[in-house]
Amino acid sequence: MVQIGLGVTLILFGLYKFFGFLPHDRVMTEESIAVYKGLLANKFIMPTVGVVELLPVILLVVGRWIIVALLAMIPIAFGIMGFHFAVDIQGIFWGNFDSFWACLPSFNAFF
């Protein structure tokens, strides 16, 4: 269930990299919005990040190669944390929360 919930959430944010349909003025500061709009205007960085997000998430939702999918999502988690440390330190909680949920299923093998 957590796997599906995480997958649907990350699919939503992965598709956002292509279509930009989520409002972010209530969540992000003006500085972080300016940086993010600059990344979206690049037309290469954010679609690449979107593809890198969507491929492991599809594997996660389908239930195939879950460990590989979680390992592929590690750079995504570092990107989320890096963005918030550099630009939006108040939003670091949500970046860490997302990273925690992304890594949580991989610990089930140890317990």
PDB file of N, CA and C in Angstrom:
ATOM      1  N   MET A   1       0.816  -1.189   0.000  1.00  0.00           N
ATOM      2  CA  MET A   1       0.000   0.000   0.000  1.00  0.00           C
ATOM      3  C   MET A   1       0.864   1.260   0.000  1.00  0.00           C
ATOM      4  N   VAL A   2       1.908   1.285   0.829  1.00  0.00           N
ATOM      5  CA  VAL A   2       2.831   2.418   0.855  1.00  0.00           C
ATOM      6  C   VAL A   2       3.528   2.540  -0.498  1.00  0.00           C
ATOM      7  N   GLN A   3       3.840   1.397  -1.071  1.00  0.00           N
ATOM      8  CA  GLN A   3       4.506   1.361  -2.374  1.00  0.00           C
ATOM      9  C   GLN A   3       3.646   2.031  -3.447  1.00  0.00           C
ATOM     10  N   ILE A   4       2.359   1.740  -3.461  1.00  0.00           N
ATOM     11  CA  ILE A   4       1.443   2.334  -4.444  1.00  0.00           C
ATOM     12  C   ILE A   4       1.266   3.828  -4.165  1.00  0.00           C
ATOM     13  N   GLY A   5       1.088   4.186  -2.889  1.00  0.00           N
ATOM     14  CA  GLY A   5       0.923   5.597  -2.535  1.00  0.00           C
ATOM     15  C   GLY A   5       2.140   6.429  -2.910  1.00  0.00           C
ATOM     16  N   LEU A   6       3.326   5.911  -2.604  1.00  0.00           N
ATOM     17  CA  LEU A   6       4.556   6.599  -2.978  1.00  0.00           C
ATOM     18  C   LEU A   6       4.669   6.692  -4.493  1.00  0.00           C
ATOM     19  N   GLY A   7       4.323   5.609  -5.169  1.00  0.00           N
ATOM     20  CA  GLY A   7       4.404   5.596  -6.629  1.00  0.00           C
ATOM     21  C   GLY A   7       3.491   6.616  -7.274  1.00  0.00           C
ATOM     22  N   VAL A   8       2.255   6.688  -6.815  1.00  0.00           N
ATOM     23  CA  VAL A   8       1.303   7.648  -7.389  1.00  0.00           C
ATOM     24  C   VAL A   8       1.761   9.081  -7.119  1.00  0.00           C
ATOM     25  N   THR A   9       2.263   9.333  -5.914  1.00  0.00           N
ATOM     26  CA  THR A   9       2.756  10.670  -5.582  1.00  0.00           C
ATOM     27  C   THR A   9       3.927  11.058  -6.474  1.00  0.00           C
ATOM     28  N   LEU A  10       4.870  10.147  -6.644  1.00  0.00           N
ATOM     29  CA  LEU A  10       6.036  10.467  -7.458  1.00  0.00           C
ATOM     30  C   LEU A  10       5.708  10.515  -8.943  1.00  0.00           C
ATOM     31  N   ILE A  11       4.707   9.771  -9.396  1.00  0.00           N
ATOM     32  CA  ILE A  11       4.253   9.905 -10.787  1.00  0.00           C
ATOM     33  C   ILE A  11       3.682  11.302 -10.997  1.00  0.00           C
ATOM     34  N   LEU A  12       2.909  11.773 -10.040  1.00  0.00           N
ATOM     35  CA  LEU A  12       2.351  13.120 -10.131  1.00  0.00           C
ATOM     36  C   LEU A  12       3.463  14.161 -10.244  1.00  0.00           C
ATOM     37  N   PHE A  13       4.471  14.072  -9.370  1.00  0.00           N
ATOM     38  CA  PHE A  13       5.564  15.037  -9.410  1.00  0.00           C
ATOM     39  C   PHE A  13       6.462  14.836 -10.623  1.00  0.00           C
ATOM     40  N   GLY A  14       6.586  13.610 -11.113  1.00  0.00           N
ATOM     41  CA  GLY A  14       7.344  13.374 -12.336  1.00  0.00           C
ATOM     42  C   GLY A  14       6.669  13.986 -13.546  1.00  0.00           C
ATOM     43  N   LEU A  15       5.354  13.854 -13.631  1.00  0.00           N
ATOM     44  CA  LEU A  15       4.611  14.465 -14.737  1.00  0.00           C
ATOM     45  C   LEU A  15       4.614  15.984 -14.641  1.00  0.00           C
ATOM     46  N   TYR A  16       4.723  16.487 -13.423  1.00  0.00           N
ATOM     47  CA  TYR A  16       4.793  17.939 -13.232  1.00  0.00           C
ATOM     48  C   TYR A  16       6.025  18.526 -13.918  1.00  0.00           C
ATOM     49  N   LYS A  17       7.099  17.746 -14.001  1.00  0.00           N
ATOM     50  CA  LYS A  17       8.313  18.230 -14.661  1.00  0.00           C
ATOM     51  C   LYS A  17       8.070  18.503 -16.143  1.00  0.00           C
ATOM     52  N   PHE A  18       7.093  17.826 -16.734  1.00  0.00           N
ATOM     53  CA  PHE A  18       6.787  18.022 -18.151  1.00  0.00           C
ATOM     54  C   PHE A  18       5.699  19.069 -18.374  1.00  0.00           C
ATOM     55  N   PHE A  19       4.676  19.064 -17.525  1.00  0.00           N
ATOM     56  CA  PHE A  19       3.483  19.865 -17.792  1.00  0.00           C
ATOM     57  C   PHE A  19       3.304  21.060 -16.861  1.00  0.00           C
ATOM     58  N   GLY A  20       3.933  21.078 -15.682  1.00  0.00           N
ATOM     59  CA  GLY A  20       3.866  22.214 -14.766  1.00  0.00           C
ATOM     60  C   GLY A  20       2.464  22.597 -14.335  1.00  0.00           C
ATOM     61  N   PHE A  21       1.670  21.642 -13.891  1.00  0.00           N
ATOM     62  CA  PHE A  21       0.258  21.888 -13.584  1.00  0.00           C
ATOM     63  C   PHE A  21      -0.034  22.111 -12.109  1.00  0.00           C
ATOM     64  N   LEU A  22       0.931  21.971 -11.222  1.00  0.00           N
ATOM     65  CA  LEU A  22       0.685  22.147  -9.786  1.00  0.00           C
ATOM     66  C   LEU A  22       0.946  23.593  -9.363  1.00  0.00           C
ATOM     67  N   PRO A  23       0.059  24.167  -8.546  1.00  0.00           N
ATOM     68  CA  PRO A  23       0.352  25.514  -8.030  1.00  0.00           C
ATOM     69  C   PRO A  23       1.428  25.418  -6.951  1.00  0.00           C
ATOM     70  N   HIS A  24       2.390  26.300  -6.986  1.00  0.00           N
ATOM     71  CA  HIS A  24       3.456  26.236  -5.999  1.00  0.00           C
ATOM     72  C   HIS A  24       3.651  27.547  -5.256  1.00  0.00           C
ATOM     73  N   ASP A  25       2.774  28.507  -5.445  1.00  0.00           N
ATOM     74  CA  ASP A  25       2.951  29.795  -4.786  1.00  0.00           C
ATOM     75  C   ASP A  25       2.659  29.749  -3.291  1.00  0.00           C
ATOM     76  N   ARG A  26       1.878  28.787  -2.821  1.00  0.00           N
ATOM     77  CA  ARG A  26       1.571  28.708  -1.390  1.00  0.00           C
ATOM     78  C   ARG A  26       2.605  27.886  -0.643  1.00  0.00           C
ATOM     79  N   VAL A  27       3.370  27.070  -1.346  1.00  0.00           N
ATOM     80  CA  VAL A  27       4.291  26.148  -0.695  1.00  0.00           C
ATOM     81  C   VAL A  27       5.730  26.647  -0.746  1.00  0.00           C
ATOM     82  N   MET A  28       6.119  27.265  -1.855  1.00  0.00           N
ATOM     83  CA  MET A  28       7.503  27.662  -2.071  1.00  0.00           C
ATOM     84  C   MET A  28       7.672  29.174  -1.872  1.00  0.00           C
ATOM     85  N   THR A  29       8.887  29.560  -1.479  1.00  0.00           N
ATOM     86  CA  THR A  29       9.202  30.982  -1.355  1.00  0.00           C
ATOM     87  C   THR A  29       9.402  31.581  -2.747  1.00  0.00           C
ATOM     88  N   GLU A  30       9.446  32.904  -2.816  1.00  0.00           N
ATOM     89  CA  GLU A  30       9.626  33.564  -4.115  1.00  0.00           C
ATOM     90  C   GLU A  30      10.970  33.210  -4.743  1.00  0.00           C
ATOM     91  N   GLU A  31      12.001  33.092  -3.906  1.00  0.00           N
ATOM     92  CA  GLU A  31      13.323  32.737  -4.427  1.00  0.00           C
ATOM     93  C   GLU A  31      13.319  31.330  -5.013  1.00  0.00           C
ATOM     94  N   SER A  32      12.711  30.386  -4.309  1.00  0.00           N
ATOM     95  CA  SER A  32      12.679  29.017  -4.825  1.00  0.00           C
ATOM     96  C   SER A  32      11.802  28.907  -6.067  1.00  0.00           C
ATOM     97  N   ILE A  33      10.743  29.700  -6.151  1.00  0.00           N
ATOM     98  CA  ILE A  33       9.910  29.711  -7.359  1.00  0.00           C
ATOM     99  C   ILE A  33      10.722  30.229  -8.541  1.00  0.00           C
ATOM    100  N   ALA A  34      11.524  31.271  -8.324  1.00  0.00           N
ATOM    101  CA  ALA A  34      12.349  31.821  -9.403  1.00  0.00           C
ATOM    102  C   ALA A  34      13.373  30.800  -9.888  1.00  0.00           C
ATOM    103  N   VAL A  35      14.014  30.094  -8.960  1.00  0.00           N
ATOM    104  CA  VAL A  35      14.986  29.068  -9.339  1.00  0.00           C
ATOM    105  C   VAL A  35      14.292  27.945 -10.093  1.00  0.00           C
ATOM    106  N   TYR A  36      13.145  27.515  -9.603  1.00  0.00           N
ATOM    107  CA  TYR A  36      12.427  26.409 -10.236  1.00  0.00           C
ATOM    108  C   TYR A  36      11.929  26.794 -11.628  1.00  0.00           C
ATOM    109  N   LYS A  37      11.437  28.028 -11.781  1.00  0.00           N
ATOM    110  CA  LYS A  37      11.004  28.484 -13.107  1.00  0.00           C
ATOM    111  C   LYS A  37      12.186  28.563 -14.066  1.00  0.00           C
ATOM    112  N   GLY A  38      13.354  28.915 -13.548  1.00  0.00           N
ATOM    113  CA  GLY A  38      14.555  28.911 -14.380  1.00  0.00           C
ATOM    114  C   GLY A  38      14.908  27.512 -14.851  1.00  0.00           C
ATOM    115  N   LEU A  39      14.767  26.536 -13.967  1.00  0.00           N
ATOM    116  CA  LEU A  39      15.022  25.147 -14.361  1.00  0.00           C
ATOM    117  C   LEU A  39      13.995  24.662 -15.375  1.00  0.00           C
ATOM    118  N   LEU A  40      12.735  25.057 -15.196  1.00  0.00           N
ATOM    119  CA  LEU A  40      11.698  24.671 -16.159  1.00  0.00           C
ATOM    120  C   LEU A  40      11.929  25.331 -17.516  1.00  0.00           C
ATOM    121  N   ALA A  41      12.442  26.562 -17.526  1.00  0.00           N
ATOM    122  CA  ALA A  41      12.681  27.273 -18.780  1.00  0.00           C
ATOM    123  C   ALA A  41      13.836  26.667 -19.568  1.00  0.00           C
ATOM    124  N   ASN A  42      14.687  25.895 -18.925  1.00  0.00           N
ATOM    125  CA  ASN A  42      15.834  25.291 -19.589  1.00  0.00           C
ATOM    126  C   ASN A  42      15.421  24.312 -20.676  1.00  0.00           C
ATOM    127  N   LYS A  43      14.310  23.638 -20.518  1.00  0.00           N
ATOM    128  CA  LYS A  43      13.757  22.666 -21.475  1.00  0.00           C
ATOM    129  C   LYS A  43      14.590  21.396 -21.616  1.00  0.00           C
ATOM    130  N   PHE A  44      15.637  21.237 -20.818  1.00  0.00           N
ATOM    131  CA  PHE A  44      16.403  19.996 -20.834  1.00  0.00           C
ATOM    132  C   PHE A  44      16.502  19.383 -19.446  1.00  0.00           C
ATOM    133  N   ILE A  45      16.793  20.192 -18.453  1.00  0.00           N
ATOM    134  CA  ILE A  45      17.049  19.683 -17.109  1.00  0.00           C
ATOM    135  C   ILE A  45      15.812  19.020 -16.518  1.00  0.00           C
ATOM    136  N   MET A  46      14.705  19.731 -16.466  1.00  0.00           N
ATOM    137  CA  MET A  46      13.526  19.188 -15.790  1.00  0.00           C
ATOM    138  C   MET A  46      12.891  18.017 -16.543  1.00  0.00           C
ATOM    139  N   PRO A  47      12.823  18.016 -17.879  1.00  0.00           N
ATOM    140  CA  PRO A  47      12.333  16.795 -18.533  1.00  0.00           C
ATOM    141  C   PRO A  47      13.236  15.590 -18.277  1.00  0.00           C
ATOM    142  N   THR A  48      14.544  15.823 -18.197  1.00  0.00           N
ATOM    143  CA  THR A  48      15.459  14.722 -17.883  1.00  0.00           C
ATOM    144  C   THR A  48      15.211  14.218 -16.468  1.00  0.00           C
ATOM    145  N   VAL A  49      15.047  15.134 -15.537  1.00  0.00           N
ATOM    146  CA  VAL A  49      14.734  14.745 -14.157  1.00  0.00           C
ATOM    147  C   VAL A  49      13.397  14.011 -14.114  1.00  0.00           C
ATOM    148  N   GLY A  50      12.428  14.473 -14.891  1.00  0.00           N
ATOM    149  CA  GLY A  50      11.127  13.810 -14.942  1.00  0.00           C
ATOM    150  C   GLY A  50      11.229  12.377 -15.428  1.00  0.00           C
ATOM    151  N   VAL A  51      12.029  12.143 -16.464  1.00  0.00           N
ATOM    152  CA  VAL A  51      12.222  10.776 -16.970  1.00  0.00           C
ATOM    153  C   VAL A  51      12.933   9.927 -15.928  1.00  0.00           C
ATOM    154  N   VAL A  52      13.971  10.498 -15.293  1.00  0.00           N
ATOM    155  CA  VAL A  52      14.711   9.760 -14.265  1.00  0.00           C
ATOM    156  C   VAL A  52      13.813   9.449 -13.076  1.00  0.00           C
ATOM    157  N   GLU A  53      12.835  10.292 -12.790  1.00  0.00           N
ATOM    158  CA  GLU A  53      11.877  10.012 -11.721  1.00  0.00           C
ATOM    159  C   GLU A  53      10.849   8.974 -12.150  1.00  0.00           C
ATOM    160  N   LEU A  54      10.342   9.086 -13.358  1.00  0.00           N
ATOM    161  CA  LEU A  54       9.227   8.238 -13.781  1.00  0.00           C
ATOM    162  C   LEU A  54       9.624   6.781 -14.013  1.00  0.00           C
ATOM    163  N   LEU A  55      10.799   6.527 -14.555  1.00  0.00           N
ATOM    164  CA  LEU A  55      11.182   5.143 -14.843  1.00  0.00           C
ATOM    165  C   LEU A  55      11.243   4.269 -13.584  1.00  0.00           C
ATOM    166  N   PRO A  56      11.954   4.682 -12.517  1.00  0.00           N
ATOM    167  CA  PRO A  56      11.938   3.844 -11.315  1.00  0.00           C
ATOM    168  C   PRO A  56      10.571   3.776 -10.643  1.00  0.00           C
ATOM    169  N   VAL A  57       9.798   4.848 -10.737  1.00  0.00           N
ATOM    170  CA  VAL A  57       8.480   4.855 -10.096  1.00  0.00           C
ATOM    171  C   VAL A  57       7.548   3.870 -10.786  1.00  0.00           C
ATOM    172  N   ILE A  58       7.633   3.780 -12.091  1.00  0.00           N
ATOM    173  CA  ILE A  58       6.815   2.793 -12.809  1.00  0.00           C
ATOM    174  C   ILE A  58       7.189   1.390 -12.363  1.00  0.00           C
ATOM    175  N   LEU A  59       8.490   1.121 -12.215  1.00  0.00           N
ATOM    176  CA  LEU A  59       8.921  -0.184 -11.703  1.00  0.00           C
ATOM    177  C   LEU A  59       8.400  -0.416 -10.291  1.00  0.00           C
ATOM    178  N   LEU A  60       8.398   0.623  -9.485  1.00  0.00           N
ATOM    179  CA  LEU A  60       7.926   0.507  -8.104  1.00  0.00           C
ATOM    180  C   LEU A  60       6.440   0.191  -8.057  1.00  0.00           C
ATOM    181  N   VAL A  61       5.650   0.871  -8.864  1.00  0.00           N
ATOM    182  CA  VAL A  61       4.200   0.652  -8.866  1.00  0.00           C
ATOM    183  C   VAL A  61       3.865  -0.726  -9.423  1.00  0.00           C
ATOM    184  N   VAL A  62       4.573  -1.143 -10.470  1.00  0.00           N
ATOM    185  CA  VAL A  62       4.315  -2.450 -11.077  1.00  0.00           C
ATOM    186  C   VAL A  62       4.759  -3.575 -10.146  1.00  0.00           C
ATOM    187  N   GLY A  63       5.764  -3.305  -9.319  1.00  0.00           N
ATOM    188  CA  GLY A  63       6.234  -4.311  -8.378  1.00  0.00           C
ATOM    189  C   GLY A  63       7.383  -5.144  -8.917  1.00  0.00           C
ATOM    190  N   ARG A  64       8.049  -4.677  -9.946  1.00  0.00           N
ATOM    191  CA  ARG A  64       9.180  -5.381 -10.540  1.00  0.00           C
ATOM    192  C   ARG A  64      10.462  -4.638 -10.180  1.00  0.00           C
ATOM    193  N   TRP A  65      11.504  -5.377  -9.852  1.00  0.00           N
ATOM    194  CA  TRP A  65      12.824  -4.811  -9.572  1.00  0.00           C
ATOM    195  C   TRP A  65      12.743  -3.664  -8.574  1.00  0.00           C
ATOM    196  N   ILE A  66      12.117  -3.916  -7.442  1.00  0.00           N
ATOM    197  CA  ILE A  66      11.869  -2.865  -6.455  1.00  0.00           C
ATOM    198  C   ILE A  66      13.177  -2.306  -5.890  1.00  0.00           C
ATOM    199  N   ILE A  67      14.127  -3.177  -5.589  1.00  0.00           N
ATOM    200  CA  ILE A  67      15.398  -2.701  -5.037  1.00  0.00           C
ATOM    201  C   ILE A  67      16.124  -1.822  -6.050  1.00  0.00           C
ATOM    202  N   VAL A  68      16.118  -2.227  -7.319  1.00  0.00           N
ATOM    203  CA  VAL A  68      16.746  -1.414  -8.368  1.00  0.00           C
ATOM    204  C   VAL A  68      16.044  -0.062  -8.482  1.00  0.00           C
ATOM    205  N   ALA A  69      14.720  -0.084  -8.411  1.00  0.00           N
ATOM    206  CA  ALA A  69      13.956   1.166  -8.489  1.00  0.00           C
ATOM    207  C   ALA A  69      14.297   2.083  -7.320  1.00  0.00           C
ATOM    208  N   LEU A  70      14.389   1.526  -6.122  1.00  0.00           N
ATOM    209  CA  LEU A  70      14.723   2.346  -4.953  1.00  0.00           C
ATOM    210  C   LEU A  70      16.149   2.881  -5.034  1.00  0.00           C
ATOM    211  N   LEU A  71      17.067   2.064  -5.547  1.00  0.00           N
ATOM    212  CA  LEU A  71      18.439   2.548  -5.721  1.00  0.00           C
ATOM    213  C   LEU A  71      18.509   3.654  -6.766  1.00  0.00           C
ATOM    214  N   ALA A  72      17.706   3.538  -7.808  1.00  0.00           N
ATOM    215  CA  ALA A  72      17.686   4.578  -8.842  1.00  0.00           C
ATOM    216  C   ALA A  72      17.063   5.869  -8.324  1.00  0.00           C
ATOM    217  N   MET A  73      16.278   5.777  -7.256  1.00  0.00           N
ATOM    218  CA  MET A  73      15.636   6.972  -6.709  1.00  0.00           C
ATOM    219  C   MET A  73      16.521   7.705  -5.700  1.00  0.00           C
ATOM    220  N   ILE A  74      17.666   7.145  -5.354  1.00  0.00           N
ATOM    221  CA  ILE A  74      18.574   7.813  -4.414  1.00  0.00           C
ATOM    222  C   ILE A  74      19.042   9.165  -4.948  1.00  0.00           C
ATOM    223  N   PRO A  75      19.480   9.271  -6.221  1.00  0.00           N
ATOM    224  CA  PRO A  75      19.862  10.609  -6.709  1.00  0.00           C
ATOM    225  C   PRO A  75      18.703  11.603  -6.700  1.00  0.00           C
ATOM    226  N   ILE A  76      17.504  11.112  -6.888  1.00  0.00           N
ATOM    227  CA  ILE A  76      16.329  11.986  -6.833  1.00  0.00           C
ATOM    228  C   ILE A  76      16.174  12.544  -5.422  1.00  0.00           C
ATOM    229  N   ALA A  77      16.338  11.683  -4.430  1.00  0.00           N
ATOM    230  CA  ALA A  77      16.226  12.121  -3.041  1.00  0.00           C
ATOM    231  C   ALA A  77      17.303  13.152  -2.710  1.00  0.00           C
ATOM    232  N   PHE A  78      18.533  12.927  -3.187  1.00  0.00           N
ATOM    233  CA  PHE A  78      19.600  13.904  -2.953  1.00  0.00           C
ATOM    234  C   PHE A  78      19.315  15.214  -3.683  1.00  0.00           C
ATOM    235  N   GLY A  79      18.719  15.142  -4.857  1.00  0.00           N
ATOM    236  CA  GLY A  79      18.346  16.355  -5.583  1.00  0.00           C
ATOM    237  C   GLY A  79      17.298  17.162  -4.842  1.00  0.00           C
ATOM    238  N   ILE A  80      16.316  16.473  -4.281  1.00  0.00           N
ATOM    239  CA  ILE A  80      15.281  17.151  -3.494  1.00  0.00           C
ATOM    240  C   ILE A  80      15.910  17.846  -2.292  1.00  0.00           C
ATOM    241  N   MET A  81      16.748  17.106  -1.578  1.00  0.00           N
ATOM    242  CA  MET A  81      17.378  17.688  -0.392  1.00  0.00           C
ATOM    243  C   MET A  81      18.332  18.816  -0.768  1.00  0.00           C
ATOM    244  N   GLY A  82      19.098  18.649  -1.851  1.00  0.00           N
ATOM    245  CA  GLY A  82      20.028  19.690  -2.283  1.00  0.00           C
ATOM    246  C   GLY A  82      19.318  20.972  -2.671  1.00  0.00           C
ATOM    247  N   PHE A  83      18.204  20.840  -3.390  1.00  0.00           N
ATOM    248  CA  PHE A  83      17.419  22.017  -3.770  1.00  0.00           C
ATOM    249  C   PHE A  83      16.943  22.759  -2.532  1.00  0.00           C
ATOM    250  N   HIS A  84      16.423  22.032  -1.563  1.00  0.00           N
ATOM    251  CA  HIS A  84      15.882  22.686  -0.376  1.00  0.00           C
ATOM    252  C   HIS A  84      16.980  23.249   0.519  1.00  0.00           C
ATOM    253  N   PHE A  85      18.123  22.590   0.609  1.00  0.00           N
ATOM    254  CA  PHE A  85      19.230  23.159   1.383  1.00  0.00           C
ATOM    255  C   PHE A  85      19.746  24.439   0.738  1.00  0.00           C
ATOM    256  N   ALA A  86      19.796  24.474  -0.592  1.00  0.00           N
ATOM    257  CA  ALA A  86      20.358  25.630  -1.289  1.00  0.00           C
ATOM    258  C   ALA A  86      19.380  26.794  -1.390  1.00  0.00           C
ATOM    259  N   VAL A  87      18.096  26.508  -1.585  1.00  0.00           N
ATOM    260  CA  VAL A  87      17.158  27.570  -1.931  1.00  0.00           C
ATOM    261  C   VAL A  87      16.034  27.731  -0.917  1.00  0.00           C
ATOM    262  N   ASP A  88      15.499  26.631  -0.419  1.00  0.00           N
ATOM    263  CA  ASP A  88      14.265  26.691   0.372  1.00  0.00           C
ATOM    264  C   ASP A  88      14.421  25.840   1.625  1.00  0.00           C
ATOM    265  N   ILE A  89      15.174  26.338   2.587  1.00  0.00           N
ATOM    266  CA  ILE A  89      15.457  25.553   3.788  1.00  0.00           C
ATOM    267  C   ILE A  89      14.193  25.280   4.602  1.00  0.00           C
ATOM    268  N   GLN A  90      13.165  26.134   4.494  1.00  0.00           N
ATOM    269  CA  GLN A  90      11.920  25.888   5.217  1.00  0.00           C
ATOM    270  C   GLN A  90      11.190  24.671   4.652  1.00  0.00           C
ATOM    271  N   GLY A  91      11.398  24.362   3.391  1.00  0.00           N
ATOM    272  CA  GLY A  91      10.721  23.230   2.767  1.00  0.00           C
ATOM    273  C   GLY A  91      11.476  21.924   2.885  1.00  0.00           C
ATOM    274  N   ILE A  92      12.556  21.901   3.660  1.00  0.00           N
ATOM    275  CA  ILE A  92      13.381  20.695   3.759  1.00  0.00           C
ATOM    276  C   ILE A  92      12.619  19.546   4.400  1.00  0.00           C
ATOM    277  N   PHE A  93      11.644  19.842   5.238  1.00  0.00           N
ATOM    278  CA  PHE A  93      10.873  18.771   5.866  1.00  0.00           C
ATOM    279  C   PHE A  93      10.212  17.899   4.811  1.00  0.00           C
ATOM    280  N   TRP A  94       9.563  18.508   3.816  1.00  0.00           N
ATOM    281  CA  TRP A  94       8.857  17.718   2.806  1.00  0.00           C
ATOM    282  C   TRP A  94       9.822  16.954   1.921  1.00  0.00           C
ATOM    283  N   GLY A  95      10.986  17.511   1.659  1.00  0.00           N
ATOM    284  CA  GLY A  95      11.993  16.774   0.900  1.00  0.00           C
ATOM    285  C   GLY A  95      12.487  15.558   1.662  1.00  0.00           C
ATOM    286  N   ASN A  96      12.735  15.724   2.959  1.00  0.00           N
ATOM    287  CA  ASN A  96      13.165  14.590   3.777  1.00  0.00           C
ATOM    288  C   ASN A  96      12.051  13.576   3.947  1.00  0.00           C
ATOM    289  N   PHE A  97      10.824  14.043   4.095  1.00  0.00           N
ATOM    290  CA  PHE A  97       9.681  13.145   4.231  1.00  0.00           C
ATOM    291  C   PHE A  97       9.547  12.265   2.991  1.00  0.00           C
ATOM    292  N   ASP A  98       9.666  12.871   1.813  1.00  0.00           N
ATOM    293  CA  ASP A  98       9.580  12.130   0.561  1.00  0.00           C
ATOM    294  C   ASP A  98      10.733  11.139   0.444  1.00  0.00           C
ATOM    295  N   SER A  99      11.933  11.558   0.812  1.00  0.00           N
ATOM    296  CA  SER A  99      13.091  10.673   0.752  1.00  0.00           C
ATOM    297  C   SER A  99      12.939   9.504   1.717  1.00  0.00           C
ATOM    298  N   PHE A 100      12.427   9.773   2.901  1.00  0.00           N
ATOM    299  CA  PHE A 100      12.216   8.713   3.884  1.00  0.00           C
ATOM    300  C   PHE A 100      11.248   7.667   3.354  1.00  0.00           C
ATOM    301  N   TRP A 101      10.113   8.111   2.799  1.00  0.00           N
ATOM    302  CA  TRP A 101       9.132   7.163   2.273  1.00  0.00           C
ATOM    303  C   TRP A 101       9.658   6.410   1.066  1.00  0.00           C
ATOM    304  N   ALA A 102      10.557   7.033   0.301  1.00  0.00           N
ATOM    305  CA  ALA A 102      11.134   6.353  -0.856  1.00  0.00           C
ATOM    306  C   ALA A 102      12.040   5.214  -0.414  1.00  0.00           C
ATOM    307  N   CYS A 103      12.741   5.391   0.699  1.00  0.00           N
ATOM    308  CA  CYS A 103      13.693   4.382   1.155  1.00  0.00           C
ATOM    309  C   CYS A 103      13.089   3.374   2.117  1.00  0.00           C
ATOM    310  N   LEU A 104      11.954   3.661   2.691  1.00  0.00           N
ATOM    311  CA  LEU A 104      11.358   2.805   3.711  1.00  0.00           C
ATOM    312  C   LEU A 104      11.127   1.367   3.252  1.00  0.00           C
ATOM    313  N   PRO A 105      10.572   1.106   2.068  1.00  0.00           N
ATOM    314  CA  PRO A 105      10.335  -0.292   1.681  1.00  0.00           C
ATOM    315  C   PRO A 105      11.606  -1.118   1.565  1.00  0.00           C
ATOM    316  N   SER A 106      12.745  -0.496   1.291  1.00  0.00           N
ATOM    317  CA  SER A 106      13.979  -1.268   1.155  1.00  0.00           C
ATOM    318  C   SER A 106      14.454  -1.809   2.499  1.00  0.00           C
ATOM    319  N   PHE A 107      14.020  -1.216   3.607  1.00  0.00           N
ATOM    320  CA  PHE A 107      14.432  -1.702   4.911  1.00  0.00           C
ATOM    321  C   PHE A 107      13.620  -2.905   5.377  1.00  0.00           C
ATOM    322  N   ASN A 108      12.515  -3.205   4.722  1.00  0.00           N
ATOM    323  CA  ASN A 108      11.703  -4.352   5.112  1.00  0.00           C
ATOM    324  C   ASN A 108      12.462  -5.663   4.954  1.00  0.00           C
ATOM    325  N   ALA A 109      13.419  -5.715   4.043  1.00  0.00           N
ATOM    326  CA  ALA A 109      14.195  -6.936   3.844  1.00  0.00           C
ATOM    327  C   ALA A 109      15.086  -7.231   5.047  1.00  0.00           C
ATOM    328  N   PHE A 110      15.434  -6.218   5.818  1.00  0.00           N
ATOM    329  CA  PHE A 110      16.323  -6.404   6.956  1.00  0.00           C
ATOM    330  C   PHE A 110      15.589  -6.789   8.232  1.00  0.00           C
ATOM    331  N   PHE A 111      14.286  -6.566   8.286  1.00  0.00           N
ATOM    332  CA  PHE A 111      13.538  -6.832   9.518  1.00  0.00           C
ATOM    333  C   PHE A 111      12.494  -7.890   9.310  1.00  0.00           C
TER     334      PHE A 111
END
